[in-house]
PDB file of N, CA and C in Angstrom:
ATOM      1  N   UNK A   1     -88.304 433.752 213.655  1.00  0.00           N
ATOM      2  CA  UNK A   1     -87.935 433.004 212.629  1.00  0.00           C
ATOM      3  C   UNK A   1     -89.229 432.830 211.655  1.00  0.00           C
ATOM      4  N   UNK A   2     -89.420 432.966 210.038  1.00  0.00           N
ATOM      5  CA  UNK A   2     -90.440 432.842 209.639  1.00  0.00           C
ATOM      6  C   UNK A   2     -91.380 431.383 210.023  1.00  0.00           C
ATOM      7  N   UNK A   3     -92.322 430.981 209.547  1.00  0.00           N
ATOM      8  CA  UNK A   3     -93.061 429.638 210.227  1.00  0.00           C
ATOM      9  C   UNK A   3     -92.731 429.133 208.834  1.00  0.00           C
ATOM     10  N   UNK A   4     -92.340 427.730 209.286  1.00  0.00           N
ATOM     11  CA  UNK A   4     -92.111 426.968 208.143  1.00  0.00           C
ATOM     12  C   UNK A   4     -93.328 426.275 207.559  1.00  0.00           C
ATOM     13  N   UNK A   5     -93.476 426.255 206.214  1.00  0.00           N
ATOM     14  CA  UNK A   5     -94.918 426.014 205.395  1.00  0.00           C
ATOM     15  C   UNK A   5     -94.407 425.364 204.281  1.00  0.00           C
ATOM     16  N   UNK A   6     -95.586 424.459 203.730  1.00  0.00           N
ATOM     17  CA  UNK A   6     -95.752 423.692 202.560  1.00  0.00           C
ATOM     18  C   UNK A   6     -97.010 424.324 201.814  1.00  0.00           C
ATOM     19  N   UNK A   7     -96.352 424.197 200.501  1.00  0.00           N
ATOM     20  CA  UNK A   7     -97.928 424.427 199.259  1.00  0.00           C
ATOM     21  C   UNK A   7     -98.672 422.646 199.572  1.00  0.00           C
ATOM     22  N   UNK A   8     -99.734 423.249 199.238  1.00  0.00           N
ATOM     23  CA  UNK A   8    -100.707 422.064 199.271  1.00  0.00           C
ATOM     24  C   UNK A   8    -100.324 420.755 198.670  1.00  0.00           C
ATOM     25  N   UNK A   9     -99.572 421.205 197.297  1.00  0.00           N
ATOM     26  CA  UNK A   9     -99.132 419.903 196.625  1.00  0.00           C
ATOM     27  C   UNK A   9     -97.734 419.252 197.285  1.00  0.00           C
ATOM     28  N   UNK A  10     -97.083 419.772 197.503  1.00  0.00           N
ATOM     29  CA  UNK A  10     -95.835 419.879 198.814  1.00  0.00           C
ATOM     30  C   UNK A  10     -96.398 418.827 200.041  1.00  0.00           C
ATOM     31  N   UNK A  11     -97.007 419.440 200.549  1.00  0.00           N
ATOM     32  CA  UNK A  11     -97.866 418.633 201.832  1.00  0.00           C
ATOM     33  C   UNK A  11     -98.494 417.233 201.541  1.00  0.00           C
ATOM     34  N   UNK A  12     -98.960 417.383 200.446  1.00  0.00           N
ATOM     35  CA  UNK A  12     -99.656 415.899 200.264  1.00  0.00           C
ATOM     36  C   UNK A  12     -98.373 414.830 199.818  1.00  0.00           C
ATOM     37  N   UNK A  13     -97.566 415.528 198.983  1.00  0.00           N
ATOM     38  CA  UNK A  13     -96.204 414.334 198.640  1.00  0.00           C
ATOM     39  C   UNK A  13     -95.462 414.065 200.098  1.00  0.00           C
ATOM     40  N   UNK A  14     -95.426 415.020 200.977  1.00  0.00           N
ATOM     41  CA  UNK A  14     -94.561 414.695 202.033  1.00  0.00           C
ATOM     42  C   UNK A  14     -95.408 413.619 202.849  1.00  0.00           C
ATOM     43  N   UNK A  15     -96.990 413.885 202.831  1.00  0.00           N
ATOM     44  CA  UNK A  15     -97.686 412.976 203.943  1.00  0.00           C
ATOM     45  C   UNK A  15     -97.787 411.567 203.054  1.00  0.00           C
ATOM     46  N   UNK A  16     -97.700 411.534 201.754  1.00  0.00           N
ATOM     47  CA  UNK A  16     -97.636 410.373 201.150  1.00  0.00           C
ATOM     48  C   UNK A  16     -96.258 409.517 201.360  1.00  0.00           C
ATOM     49  N   UNK A  17     -95.315 410.177 201.627  1.00  0.00           N
ATOM     50  CA  UNK A  17     -93.993 409.630 201.746  1.00  0.00           C
ATOM     51  C   UNK A  17     -94.036 409.180 202.999  1.00  0.00           C
ATOM     52  N   UNK A  18     -94.349 409.746 204.376  1.00  0.00           N
ATOM     53  CA  UNK A  18     -94.418 409.251 205.167  1.00  0.00           C
ATOM     54  C   UNK A  18     -95.419 408.033 205.397  1.00  0.00           C
ATOM     55  N   UNK A  19     -96.736 408.015 204.902  1.00  0.00           N
ATOM     56  CA  UNK A  19     -97.458 406.912 204.926  1.00  0.00           C
ATOM     57  C   UNK A  19     -96.765 405.749 204.138  1.00  0.00           C
ATOM     58  N   UNK A  20     -95.894 406.035 203.062  1.00  0.00           N
ATOM     59  CA  UNK A  20     -95.011 404.771 202.340  1.00  0.00           C
ATOM     60  C   UNK A  20     -94.041 404.554 203.510  1.00  0.00           C
ATOM     61  N   UNK A  21     -93.398 405.256 204.435  1.00  0.00           N
ATOM     62  CA  UNK A  21     -92.386 404.845 204.969  1.00  0.00           C
ATOM     63  C   UNK A  21     -93.072 403.971 206.178  1.00  0.00           C
ATOM     64  N   UNK A  22     -94.189 404.662 206.933  1.00  0.00           N
ATOM     65  CA  UNK A  22     -94.595 403.535 207.666  1.00  0.00           C
ATOM     66  C   UNK A  22     -95.051 402.145 207.242  1.00  0.00           C
ATOM     67  N   UNK A  23     -95.688 402.219 205.625  1.00  0.00           N
ATOM     68  CA  UNK A  23     -95.691 400.836 205.579  1.00  0.00           C
ATOM     69  C   UNK A  23     -94.468 400.062 204.780  1.00  0.00           C
ATOM     70  N   UNK A  24     -93.602 400.527 204.911  1.00  0.00           N
ATOM     71  CA  UNK A  24     -92.149 399.490 204.271  1.00  0.00           C
ATOM     72  C   UNK A  24     -91.320 399.686 205.050  1.00  0.00           C
ATOM     73  N   UNK A  25     -91.183 400.615 206.300  1.00  0.00           N
ATOM     74  CA  UNK A  25     -90.208 400.255 207.286  1.00  0.00           C
ATOM     75  C   UNK A  25     -90.758 399.753 208.681  1.00  0.00           C
ATOM     76  N   UNK A  26     -92.138 400.338 208.680  1.00  0.00           N
ATOM     77  CA  UNK A  26     -92.451 399.856 210.249  1.00  0.00           C
ATOM     78  C   UNK A  26     -93.787 398.509 209.908  1.00  0.00           C
ATOM     79  N   UNK A  27     -93.974 398.497 208.591  1.00  0.00           N
ATOM     80  CA  UNK A  27     -95.183 397.372 208.356  1.00  0.00           C
ATOM     81  C   UNK A  27     -96.305 397.927 209.001  1.00  0.00           C
ATOM     82  N   UNK A  28     -96.726 399.129 209.061  1.00  0.00           N
ATOM     83  CA  UNK A  28     -97.654 399.521 209.610  1.00  0.00           C
ATOM     84  C   UNK A  28     -98.690 400.593 208.946  1.00  0.00           C
ATOM     85  N   UNK A  29     -99.761 400.862 209.105  1.00  0.00           N
ATOM     86  CA  UNK A  29    -100.607 401.404 207.940  1.00  0.00           C
ATOM     87  C   UNK A  29    -100.804 403.110 208.820  1.00  0.00           C
ATOM     88  N   UNK A  30    -100.743 403.983 208.079  1.00  0.00           N
ATOM     89  CA  UNK A  30    -101.106 405.463 208.671  1.00  0.00           C
ATOM     90  C   UNK A  30    -101.996 406.024 207.794  1.00  0.00           C
ATOM     91  N   UNK A  31    -102.995 406.348 208.376  1.00  0.00           N
ATOM     92  CA  UNK A  31    -103.901 407.346 207.116  1.00  0.00           C
ATOM     93  C   UNK A  31    -103.390 408.929 207.069  1.00  0.00           C
ATOM     94  N   UNK A  32    -103.769 409.496 206.312  1.00  0.00           N
ATOM     95  CA  UNK A  32    -103.455 410.607 205.821  1.00  0.00           C
ATOM     96  C   UNK A  32    -103.780 411.513 206.957  1.00  0.00           C
ATOM     97  N   UNK A  33    -104.793 411.753 207.618  1.00  0.00           N
ATOM     98  CA  UNK A  33    -104.902 412.650 208.687  1.00  0.00           C
ATOM     99  C   UNK A  33    -103.616 412.312 209.768  1.00  0.00           C
ATOM    100  N   UNK A  34    -103.536 411.378 210.380  1.00  0.00           N
ATOM    101  CA  UNK A  34    -102.381 410.858 211.185  1.00  0.00           C
ATOM    102  C   UNK A  34    -101.082 411.183 210.553  1.00  0.00           C
ATOM    103  N   UNK A  35    -100.854 410.932 209.436  1.00  0.00           N
ATOM    104  CA  UNK A  35     -99.667 411.243 208.725  1.00  0.00           C
ATOM    105  C   UNK A  35     -99.294 413.332 208.607  1.00  0.00           C
ATOM    106  N   UNK A  36    -100.244 413.647 208.723  1.00  0.00           N
ATOM    107  CA  UNK A  36    -100.441 414.987 208.465  1.00  0.00           C
ATOM    108  C   UNK A  36    -100.216 415.636 209.592  1.00  0.00           C
ATOM    109  N   UNK A  37    -100.933 415.006 210.806  1.00  0.00           N
ATOM    110  CA  UNK A  37    -100.461 415.645 212.124  1.00  0.00           C
ATOM    111  C   UNK A  37     -98.959 415.185 212.441  1.00  0.00           C
ATOM    112  N   UNK A  38     -98.801 414.296 212.191  1.00  0.00           N
ATOM    113  CA  UNK A  38     -97.198 414.011 212.414  1.00  0.00           C
ATOM    114  C   UNK A  38     -96.358 414.775 211.553  1.00  0.00           C
ATOM    115  N   UNK A  39     -96.381 414.874 210.291  1.00  0.00           N
ATOM    116  CA  UNK A  39     -95.933 416.191 209.710  1.00  0.00           C
ATOM    117  C   UNK A  39     -95.783 417.735 210.491  1.00  0.00           C
ATOM    118  N   UNK A  40     -97.162 418.171 210.684  1.00  0.00           N
ATOM    119  CA  UNK A  40     -97.162 419.295 211.493  1.00  0.00           C
ATOM    120  C   UNK A  40     -96.161 419.014 212.733  1.00  0.00           C
ATOM    121  N   UNK A  41     -96.269 418.097 213.586  1.00  0.00           N
ATOM    122  CA  UNK A  41     -95.628 417.832 214.694  1.00  0.00           C
ATOM    123  C   UNK A  41     -94.086 418.108 214.057  1.00  0.00           C
ATOM    124  N   UNK A  42     -93.343 417.267 213.264  1.00  0.00           N
ATOM    125  CA  UNK A  42     -92.187 417.433 213.180  1.00  0.00           C
ATOM    126  C   UNK A  42     -91.712 419.000 212.410  1.00  0.00           C
ATOM    127  N   UNK A  43     -92.576 419.385 211.747  1.00  0.00           N
ATOM    128  CA  UNK A  43     -92.522 421.003 211.165  1.00  0.00           C
ATOM    129  C   UNK A  43     -92.319 421.865 212.225  1.00  0.00           C
ATOM    130  N   UNK A  44     -93.405 421.729 213.369  1.00  0.00           N
ATOM    131  CA  UNK A  44     -93.212 422.435 214.412  1.00  0.00           C
ATOM    132  C   UNK A  44     -91.656 422.611 215.295  1.00  0.00           C
ATOM    133  N   UNK A  45     -91.960 421.326 215.867  1.00  0.00           N
ATOM    134  CA  UNK A  45     -90.858 420.937 216.743  1.00  0.00           C
ATOM    135  C   UNK A  45     -89.403 420.490 216.127  1.00  0.00           C
ATOM    136  N   UNK A  46     -89.168 420.014 215.172  1.00  0.00           N
ATOM    137  CA  UNK A  46     -88.290 419.594 214.804  1.00  0.00           C
ATOM    138  C   UNK A  46     -87.581 420.348 213.595  1.00  0.00           C
ATOM    139  N   UNK A  47     -88.470 420.860 212.790  1.00  0.00           N
ATOM    140  CA  UNK A  47     -88.108 421.484 211.593  1.00  0.00           C
ATOM    141  C   UNK A  47     -86.985 422.699 212.096  1.00  0.00           C
ATOM    142  N   UNK A  48     -87.368 423.795 212.977  1.00  0.00           N
ATOM    143  CA  UNK A  48     -86.066 424.755 213.260  1.00  0.00           C
ATOM    144  C   UNK A  48     -84.789 423.968 213.479  1.00  0.00           C
ATOM    145  N   UNK A  49     -85.003 423.095 214.096  1.00  0.00           N
ATOM    146  CA  UNK A  49     -83.218 422.423 214.188  1.00  0.00           C
ATOM    147  C   UNK A  49     -82.917 422.049 212.679  1.00  0.00           C
ATOM    148  N   UNK A  50     -83.395 421.669 211.800  1.00  0.00           N
ATOM    149  CA  UNK A  50     -82.828 421.457 210.715  1.00  0.00           C
ATOM    150  C   UNK A  50     -82.525 422.908 210.121  1.00  0.00           C
ATOM    151  N   UNK A  51     -83.569 423.631 210.127  1.00  0.00           N
ATOM    152  CA  UNK A  51     -83.491 424.989 209.326  1.00  0.00           C
ATOM    153  C   UNK A  51     -82.380 426.152 209.766  1.00  0.00           C
ATOM    154  N   UNK A  52     -81.944 426.041 211.450  1.00  0.00           N
ATOM    155  CA  UNK A  52     -80.760 426.708 211.907  1.00  0.00           C
ATOM    156  C   UNK A  52     -79.658 426.026 211.354  1.00  0.00           C
ATOM    157  N   UNK A  53     -79.581 424.563 211.318  1.00  0.00           N
ATOM    158  CA  UNK A  53     -78.675 423.930 210.850  1.00  0.00           C
ATOM    159  C   UNK A  53     -78.143 424.483 209.305  1.00  0.00           C
ATOM    160  N   UNK A  54     -78.753 424.643 208.659  1.00  0.00           N
ATOM    161  CA  UNK A  54     -79.068 424.918 207.309  1.00  0.00           C
ATOM    162  C   UNK A  54     -78.389 426.638 207.105  1.00  0.00           C
ATOM    163  N   UNK A  55     -78.908 427.288 208.010  1.00  0.00           N
ATOM    164  CA  UNK A  55     -78.775 429.030 208.232  1.00  0.00           C
ATOM    165  C   UNK A  55     -76.692 428.331 208.888  1.00  0.00           C
ATOM    166  N   UNK A  56     -76.613 427.759 209.666  1.00  0.00           N
ATOM    167  CA  UNK A  56     -75.320 427.891 209.760  1.00  0.00           C
ATOM    168  C   UNK A  56     -74.475 427.321 208.885  1.00  0.00           C
ATOM    169  N   UNK A  57     -74.737 426.232 207.997  1.00  0.00           N
ATOM    170  CA  UNK A  57     -73.957 425.742 207.116  1.00  0.00           C
ATOM    171  C   UNK A  57     -73.911 426.779 206.020  1.00  0.00           C
ATOM    172  N   UNK A  58     -74.755 427.672 205.624  1.00  0.00           N
ATOM    173  CA  UNK A  58     -74.779 428.900 204.541  1.00  0.00           C
ATOM    174  C   UNK A  58     -73.720 429.582 205.240  1.00  0.00           C
ATOM    175  N   UNK A  59     -74.175 430.164 206.156  1.00  0.00           N
ATOM    176  CA  UNK A  59     -72.821 431.097 206.957  1.00  0.00           C
ATOM    177  C   UNK A  59     -71.570 430.453 206.807  1.00  0.00           C
ATOM    178  N   UNK A  60     -71.454 429.565 207.085  1.00  0.00           N
ATOM    179  CA  UNK A  60     -69.951 429.025 206.928  1.00  0.00           C
ATOM    180  C   UNK A  60     -69.556 429.034 205.441  1.00  0.00           C
ATOM    181  N   UNK A  61     -70.384 428.257 204.480  1.00  0.00           N
ATOM    182  CA  UNK A  61     -70.147 428.462 202.792  1.00  0.00           C
ATOM    183  C   UNK A  61     -69.615 430.219 202.446  1.00  0.00           C
ATOM    184  N   UNK A  62     -70.621 430.889 203.068  1.00  0.00           N
ATOM    185  CA  UNK A  62     -70.604 432.439 202.714  1.00  0.00           C
ATOM    186  C   UNK A  62     -69.326 432.991 203.272  1.00  0.00           C
ATOM    187  N   UNK A  63     -68.626 432.363 204.571  1.00  0.00           N
ATOM    188  CA  UNK A  63     -67.514 432.985 205.294  1.00  0.00           C
ATOM    189  C   UNK A  63     -66.470 432.179 204.494  1.00  0.00           C
ATOM    190  N   UNK A  64     -66.213 431.154 204.009  1.00  0.00           N
ATOM    191  CA  UNK A  64     -65.265 430.678 203.205  1.00  0.00           C
ATOM    192  C   UNK A  64     -65.170 431.411 201.751  1.00  0.00           C
ATOM    193  N   UNK A  65     -66.296 431.604 201.241  1.00  0.00           N
ATOM    194  CA  UNK A  65     -66.239 432.118 199.980  1.00  0.00           C
ATOM    195  C   UNK A  65     -65.617 433.885 200.113  1.00  0.00           C
ATOM    196  N   UNK A  66     -66.093 434.511 201.347  1.00  0.00           N
ATOM    197  CA  UNK A  66     -65.524 435.860 201.750  1.00  0.00           C
ATOM    198  C   UNK A  66     -64.033 435.799 201.656  1.00  0.00           C
ATOM    199  N   UNK A  67     -63.346 434.475 202.303  1.00  0.00           N
ATOM    200  CA  UNK A  67     -62.018 434.534 202.684  1.00  0.00           C
ATOM    201  C   UNK A  67     -61.486 434.577 201.302  1.00  0.00           C
ATOM    202  N   UNK A  68     -61.899 433.510 200.346  1.00  0.00           N
ATOM    203  CA  UNK A  68     -61.773 433.354 198.832  1.00  0.00           C
ATOM    204  C   UNK A  68     -61.265 434.807 198.029  1.00  0.00           C
ATOM    205  N   UNK A  69     -62.541 435.615 198.316  1.00  0.00           N
ATOM    206  CA  UNK A  69     -62.375 436.872 197.876  1.00  0.00           C
ATOM    207  C   UNK A  69     -61.422 437.973 198.159  1.00  0.00           C
ATOM    208  N   UNK A  70     -61.176 438.130 199.800  1.00  0.00           N
ATOM    209  CA  UNK A  70     -60.130 438.489 200.036  1.00  0.00           C
ATOM    210  C   UNK A  70     -58.566 438.297 199.517  1.00  0.00           C
ATOM    211  N   UNK A  71     -58.639 436.934 199.554  1.00  0.00           N
ATOM    212  CA  UNK A  71     -57.571 436.353 199.160  1.00  0.00           C
ATOM    213  C   UNK A  71     -57.170 436.864 197.647  1.00  0.00           C
ATOM    214  N   UNK A  72     -58.302 436.689 196.882  1.00  0.00           N
ATOM    215  CA  UNK A  72     -58.087 437.200 194.978  1.00  0.00           C
ATOM    216  C   UNK A  72     -57.912 438.770 195.250  1.00  0.00           C
ATOM    217  N   UNK A  73     -58.511 439.363 196.181  1.00  0.00           N
ATOM    218  CA  UNK A  73     -58.203 440.726 195.964  1.00  0.00           C
ATOM    219  C   UNK A  73     -56.721 441.145 196.539  1.00  0.00           C
ATOM    220  N   UNK A  74     -56.039 440.580 197.593  1.00  0.00           N
ATOM    221  CA  UNK A  74     -55.031 440.856 197.739  1.00  0.00           C
ATOM    222  C   UNK A  74     -53.865 440.428 196.796  1.00  0.00           C
ATOM    223  N   UNK A  75     -54.171 439.298 195.921  1.00  0.00           N
ATOM    224  CA  UNK A  75     -53.393 438.692 194.934  1.00  0.00           C
ATOM    225  C   UNK A  75     -53.277 440.037 193.678  1.00  0.00           C
ATOM    226  N   UNK A  76     -54.435 440.800 193.596  1.00  0.00           N
ATOM    227  CA  UNK A  76     -54.749 441.765 192.341  1.00  0.00           C
ATOM    228  C   UNK A  76     -53.847 443.169 193.005  1.00  0.00           C
ATOM    229  N   UNK A  77     -53.501 443.309 193.929  1.00  0.00           N
ATOM    230  CA  UNK A  77     -52.796 444.483 194.788  1.00  0.00           C
ATOM    231  C   UNK A  77     -51.572 444.624 193.258  1.00  0.00           C
ATOM    232  N   UNK A  78     -51.345 446.061 193.505  1.00  0.00           N
ATOM    233  CA  UNK A  78     -49.598 446.228 192.839  1.00  0.00           C
ATOM    234  C   UNK A  78     -48.843 446.409 193.806  1.00  0.00           C
ATOM    235  N   UNK A  79     -47.301 446.309 193.563  1.00  0.00           N
ATOM    236  CA  UNK A  79     -46.628 446.858 194.264  1.00  0.00           C
ATOM    237  C   UNK A  79     -46.259 448.242 194.502  1.00  0.00           C
ATOM    238  N   UNK A  80     -46.145 448.535 195.435  1.00  0.00           N
ATOM    239  CA  UNK A  80     -45.942 450.177 195.222  1.00  0.00           C
ATOM    240  C   UNK A  80     -44.507 450.482 195.287  1.00  0.00           C
ATOM    241  N   UNK A  81     -43.908 451.110 194.698  1.00  0.00           N
ATOM    242  CA  UNK A  81     -42.600 451.478 194.430  1.00  0.00           C
ATOM    243  C   UNK A  81     -42.227 452.818 195.408  1.00  0.00           C
ATOM    244  N   UNK A  82     -41.329 452.558 196.357  1.00  0.00           N
ATOM    245  CA  UNK A  82     -41.181 453.655 197.443  1.00  0.00           C
ATOM    246  C   UNK A  82     -40.273 454.682 197.028  1.00  0.00           C
ATOM    247  N   UNK A  83     -40.786 456.192 196.694  1.00  0.00           N
ATOM    248  CA  UNK A  83     -39.481 456.701 196.145  1.00  0.00           C
ATOM    249  C   UNK A  83     -39.051 457.736 197.445  1.00  0.00           C
ATOM    250  N   UNK A  84     -38.014 458.467 197.216  1.00  0.00           N
ATOM    251  CA  UNK A  84     -37.511 459.326 198.126  1.00  0.00           C
ATOM    252  C   UNK A  84     -38.133 460.502 197.888  1.00  0.00           C
ATOM    253  N   UNK A  85     -38.196 461.096 199.033  1.00  0.00           N
ATOM    254  CA  UNK A  85     -39.133 462.563 198.503  1.00  0.00           C
ATOM    255  C   UNK A  85     -37.830 463.334 197.731  1.00  0.00           C
ATOM    256  N   UNK A  86     -38.234 464.356 196.830  1.00  0.00           N
ATOM    257  CA  UNK A  86     -37.384 465.226 196.033  1.00  0.00           C
ATOM    258  C   UNK A  86     -36.017 465.812 197.202  1.00  0.00           C
ATOM    259  N   UNK A  87     -34.832 465.988 196.803  1.00  0.00           N
ATOM    260  CA  UNK A  87     -33.754 466.407 197.255  1.00  0.00           C
ATOM    261  C   UNK A  87     -33.456 465.590 198.625  1.00  0.00           C
ATOM    262  N   UNK A  88     -34.086 464.658 198.969  1.00  0.00           N
ATOM    263  CA  UNK A  88     -33.522 463.705 199.843  1.00  0.00           C
ATOM    264  C   UNK A  88     -32.360 462.418 199.125  1.00  0.00           C
ATOM    265  N   UNK A  89     -31.895 462.738 198.132  1.00  0.00           N
ATOM    266  CA  UNK A  89     -31.050 460.948 197.596  1.00  0.00           C
ATOM    267  C   UNK A  89     -29.730 461.523 198.145  1.00  0.00           C
TER     268      UNK A  89
END
């Protein structure tokens, strides 16, 4: 699996959201560095679970679409008329 990484801008935005969460929901303050460490922990330890679930969801969606394509192709098939070989009537 490719390492999960964020741009500097994304990381800063996520760290800010962690800080807001701690403040709003837990009535605690958390500095930028501890919030970044927490993000790194979730990214390495928990991120793969979300990533893998996303892959499973994408696979299921793709398989559904492939079944739809199979049905669409079946509907496009033309009826083949079977003729008796010459002289066998």
